[in-house]
């Protein structure tokens, strides 16, 4: 098969799989709210889409892409996708759940978690170590909040959905300590 055609197909397939993943999240959080477990089963679409985009990135014609650039591209694609999914989840949380008292600890933790995620997202483009630490802090705060406060426990499976952020934190730290120094 033609190399350029193959690269274009990888790009299109990767984007379509990520759009399908976001559509499944929208369906599970807004349309068929009782059957939200399909969100968990949609995660492989996100990963396959990210790896297809990485395959496209490797064949774009850029001379000799370094291993660190491939890692950074894959991590960035996954993180941008998770940002979109986080926003979809936050919008459904605002629309369908009763408001939490913002003067209580759970009401303080939820905006704090969003701020920590956004900080990690912004730092991920230049300061990978700090981004990894912010993502790990985000997940440990989710664990604490989910176990300690019933208001957060009954709002959804934050621990399960947050595993992606935990993995991001670990991968960013791995990238910073093992992949980036070799260049």
Protein backbone atom coordinates (compact mmCIF):
# COMPACT_ATOMS: atom_id res chain seq x y z
CA UNK A 1 0.00 0.00 0.00
CA UNK A 2 1.15 3.52 -0.69
CA UNK A 3 3.02 4.98 2.28
CA UNK A 4 1.25 8.35 2.12
CA UNK A 5 -2.15 6.68 1.87
CA UNK A 6 -1.30 4.45 4.82
CA UNK A 7 -0.25 7.48 6.88
CA UNK A 8 -3.47 9.32 6.02
CA UNK A 9 -5.56 6.28 6.94
CA UNK A 10 -3.78 6.01 10.30
CA UNK A 11 -4.46 9.68 10.98
CA UNK A 12 -8.13 9.47 10.02
CA UNK A 13 -8.68 6.21 11.92
CA UNK A 14 -6.98 7.59 15.02
CA UNK A 15 -9.09 10.76 15.01
CA UNK A 16 -12.31 8.80 14.35
CA UNK A 17 -11.61 6.38 17.21
CA UNK A 18 -11.03 9.27 19.60
CA UNK A 19 -14.23 10.98 18.44
CA UNK A 20 -16.09 7.68 18.91
CA UNK A 21 -14.66 7.43 22.43
CA UNK A 22 -15.89 10.95 23.25
CA UNK A 23 -19.28 10.07 21.74
CA UNK A 24 -19.54 7.01 23.99
CA UNK A 25 -18.78 9.21 27.00
CA UNK A 26 -21.46 11.69 25.93
CA UNK A 27 -23.93 8.84 25.43
CA UNK A 28 -23.14 7.33 28.83
CA UNK A 29 -23.20 10.61 30.74
CA UNK A 30 -26.01 12.50 29.01
CA UNK A 31 -28.28 10.19 26.99
CA UNK A 32 -28.34 6.76 28.65
CA UNK A 33 -27.29 7.70 32.16
CA UNK A 34 -28.17 4.35 33.73
CA UNK A 35 -25.69 2.43 31.59
CA UNK A 36 -22.53 4.45 32.15
CA UNK A 37 -20.32 1.35 32.40
CA UNK A 38 -19.82 1.56 28.64
CA UNK A 39 -17.43 4.44 29.37
CA UNK A 40 -14.96 1.98 30.86
CA UNK A 41 -15.19 -0.26 27.80
CA UNK A 42 -14.52 2.73 25.52
CA UNK A 43 -11.01 3.33 26.89
CA UNK A 44 -9.32 0.93 24.43
CA UNK A 45 -10.63 3.15 21.62
CA UNK A 46 -8.71 6.06 23.10
CA UNK A 47 -5.50 4.05 23.36
CA UNK A 48 -5.77 2.54 19.88
CA UNK A 49 -6.53 5.98 18.44
CA UNK A 50 -3.50 7.48 20.19
CA UNK A 51 -1.21 4.74 18.90
CA UNK A 52 -2.58 5.12 15.36
CA UNK A 53 -1.79 8.83 15.56
CA UNK A 54 1.70 7.97 16.82
CA UNK A 55 2.09 5.66 13.81
CA UNK A 56 1.01 8.53 11.57
CA UNK A 57 3.47 10.86 13.31
CA UNK A 58 6.34 8.44 12.66
CA UNK A 59 5.55 8.34 8.93
CA UNK A 60 4.97 12.06 8.36
CA UNK A 61 8.28 12.49 6.57
CA UNK A 62 10.10 14.26 9.36
CA UNK A 63 13.67 13.03 9.29
CA UNK A 64 14.54 10.60 12.07
CA UNK A 65 12.07 11.24 14.86
CA UNK A 66 13.74 10.63 18.20
CA UNK A 67 12.34 8.20 20.75
CA UNK A 68 11.68 11.06 23.17
CA UNK A 69 9.64 12.91 20.53
CA UNK A 70 7.48 9.83 19.93
CA UNK A 71 6.89 9.47 23.67
CA UNK A 72 6.08 13.16 24.06
CA UNK A 73 3.66 13.08 21.12
CA UNK A 74 1.83 10.01 22.44
CA UNK A 75 1.58 11.43 25.96
CA UNK A 76 0.32 14.75 24.59
CA UNK A 77 -2.34 13.09 22.43
CA UNK A 78 -3.58 11.02 25.36
CA UNK A 79 -3.59 14.02 27.68
CA UNK A 80 -5.50 16.28 25.27
CA UNK A 81 -8.08 13.52 24.85
CA UNK A 82 -8.41 13.08 28.57
CA UNK A 83 -8.86 16.84 28.96
CA UNK A 84 -11.83 16.65 26.58
CA UNK A 85 -13.26 13.68 28.51
CA UNK A 86 -12.71 15.47 31.84
CA UNK A 87 -14.63 18.50 30.51
CA UNK A 88 -17.47 16.25 29.30
CA UNK A 89 -17.62 14.64 32.74
CA UNK A 90 -17.55 18.01 34.54
CA UNK A 91 -20.39 19.35 32.37
CA UNK A 92 -22.52 16.29 33.13
CA UNK A 93 -21.68 16.65 36.82
CA UNK A 94 -22.82 20.28 36.78
CA UNK A 95 -26.03 19.50 34.88
CA UNK A 96 -27.23 16.31 36.56
CA UNK A 97 -25.98 16.36 40.15
CA UNK A 98 -27.07 18.58 42.99
CA UNK A 99 -24.59 21.29 43.84
CA UNK A 100 -22.10 20.66 46.61
CA UNK A 101 -21.74 23.29 49.29
CA UNK A 102 -18.57 25.11 48.27
CA UNK A 103 -17.78 25.92 51.91
CA UNK A 104 -17.42 22.26 52.85
CA UNK A 105 -14.32 20.13 52.29
CA UNK A 106 -15.82 18.20 49.32
CA UNK A 107 -16.89 21.49 47.78
CA UNK A 108 -13.35 22.77 48.10
CA UNK A 109 -11.74 19.55 46.84
CA UNK A 110 -13.58 19.31 43.51
CA UNK A 111 -12.48 22.75 42.20
CA UNK A 112 -9.02 22.13 43.68
CA UNK A 113 -8.79 18.86 41.73
CA UNK A 114 -9.76 20.63 38.53
CA UNK A 115 -7.09 23.27 39.20
CA UNK A 116 -4.45 20.60 39.86
CA UNK A 117 -5.36 18.83 36.63
CA UNK A 118 -5.18 22.06 34.62
CA UNK A 119 -1.79 22.90 36.18
CA UNK A 120 -0.50 19.44 35.31
CA UNK A 121 -1.85 19.84 31.79
CA UNK A 122 -0.11 23.19 31.31
CA UNK A 123 3.16 21.95 32.81
CA UNK A 124 3.15 18.79 30.67
CA UNK A 125 4.25 20.67 27.57
CA UNK A 126 7.56 21.86 29.05
CA UNK A 127 8.11 20.51 32.60
CA UNK A 128 7.31 16.81 32.49
CA UNK A 129 8.49 16.00 36.02
CA UNK A 130 6.20 18.57 37.62
CA UNK A 131 3.31 17.45 35.43
CA UNK A 132 3.83 13.86 36.57
CA UNK A 133 3.89 14.97 40.21
CA UNK A 134 0.71 17.03 39.76
CA UNK A 135 -1.08 14.08 38.17
CA UNK A 136 -0.02 11.75 41.00
CA UNK A 137 -1.16 14.35 43.55
CA UNK A 138 -4.49 14.60 41.70
CA UNK A 139 -5.03 10.84 41.93
CA UNK A 140 -4.07 10.58 45.59
CA UNK A 141 -6.45 13.44 46.42
CA UNK A 142 -9.18 11.58 44.51
CA UNK A 143 -8.47 8.45 46.54
CA UNK A 144 -8.64 10.41 49.77
CA UNK A 145 -11.81 12.28 48.80
CA UNK A 146 -13.60 9.21 47.47
CA UNK A 147 -12.86 7.18 50.59
CA UNK A 148 -13.41 9.95 53.13
CA UNK A 149 -16.40 11.94 51.85
CA UNK A 150 -19.69 10.34 50.86
CA UNK A 151 -20.69 13.42 48.85
CA UNK A 152 -17.91 12.64 46.41
CA UNK A 153 -18.30 8.86 46.68
CA UNK A 154 -21.88 9.00 45.36
CA UNK A 155 -21.08 11.37 42.46
CA UNK A 156 -19.39 8.74 40.33
CA UNK A 157 -16.46 6.38 39.93
CA UNK A 158 -13.72 8.99 40.22
CA UNK A 159 -11.18 6.38 41.35
CA UNK A 160 -11.84 4.24 38.28
CA UNK A 161 -11.92 7.13 35.83
CA UNK A 162 -8.85 8.67 37.47
CA UNK A 163 -6.65 5.65 36.83
CA UNK A 164 -5.83 7.24 33.48
CA UNK A 165 -4.45 10.29 35.29
CA UNK A 166 -2.44 8.02 37.61
CA UNK A 167 -0.96 6.29 34.57
CA UNK A 168 -0.22 9.69 32.99
CA UNK A 169 1.62 10.75 36.13
CA UNK A 170 3.71 7.58 36.13
CA UNK A 171 4.44 7.83 32.40
CA UNK A 172 5.46 11.49 32.61
CA UNK A 173 7.85 10.68 35.46
CA UNK A 174 9.19 7.70 33.49
CA UNK A 175 9.64 9.92 30.45
CA UNK A 176 11.49 12.53 32.52
CA UNK A 177 13.80 10.05 34.27
CA UNK A 178 14.44 7.40 31.58
CA UNK A 179 13.63 8.66 28.09
CA UNK A 180 14.51 12.36 28.10
CA UNK A 181 18.03 12.04 29.65
CA UNK A 182 19.17 9.68 26.87
CA UNK A 183 18.93 12.46 24.29
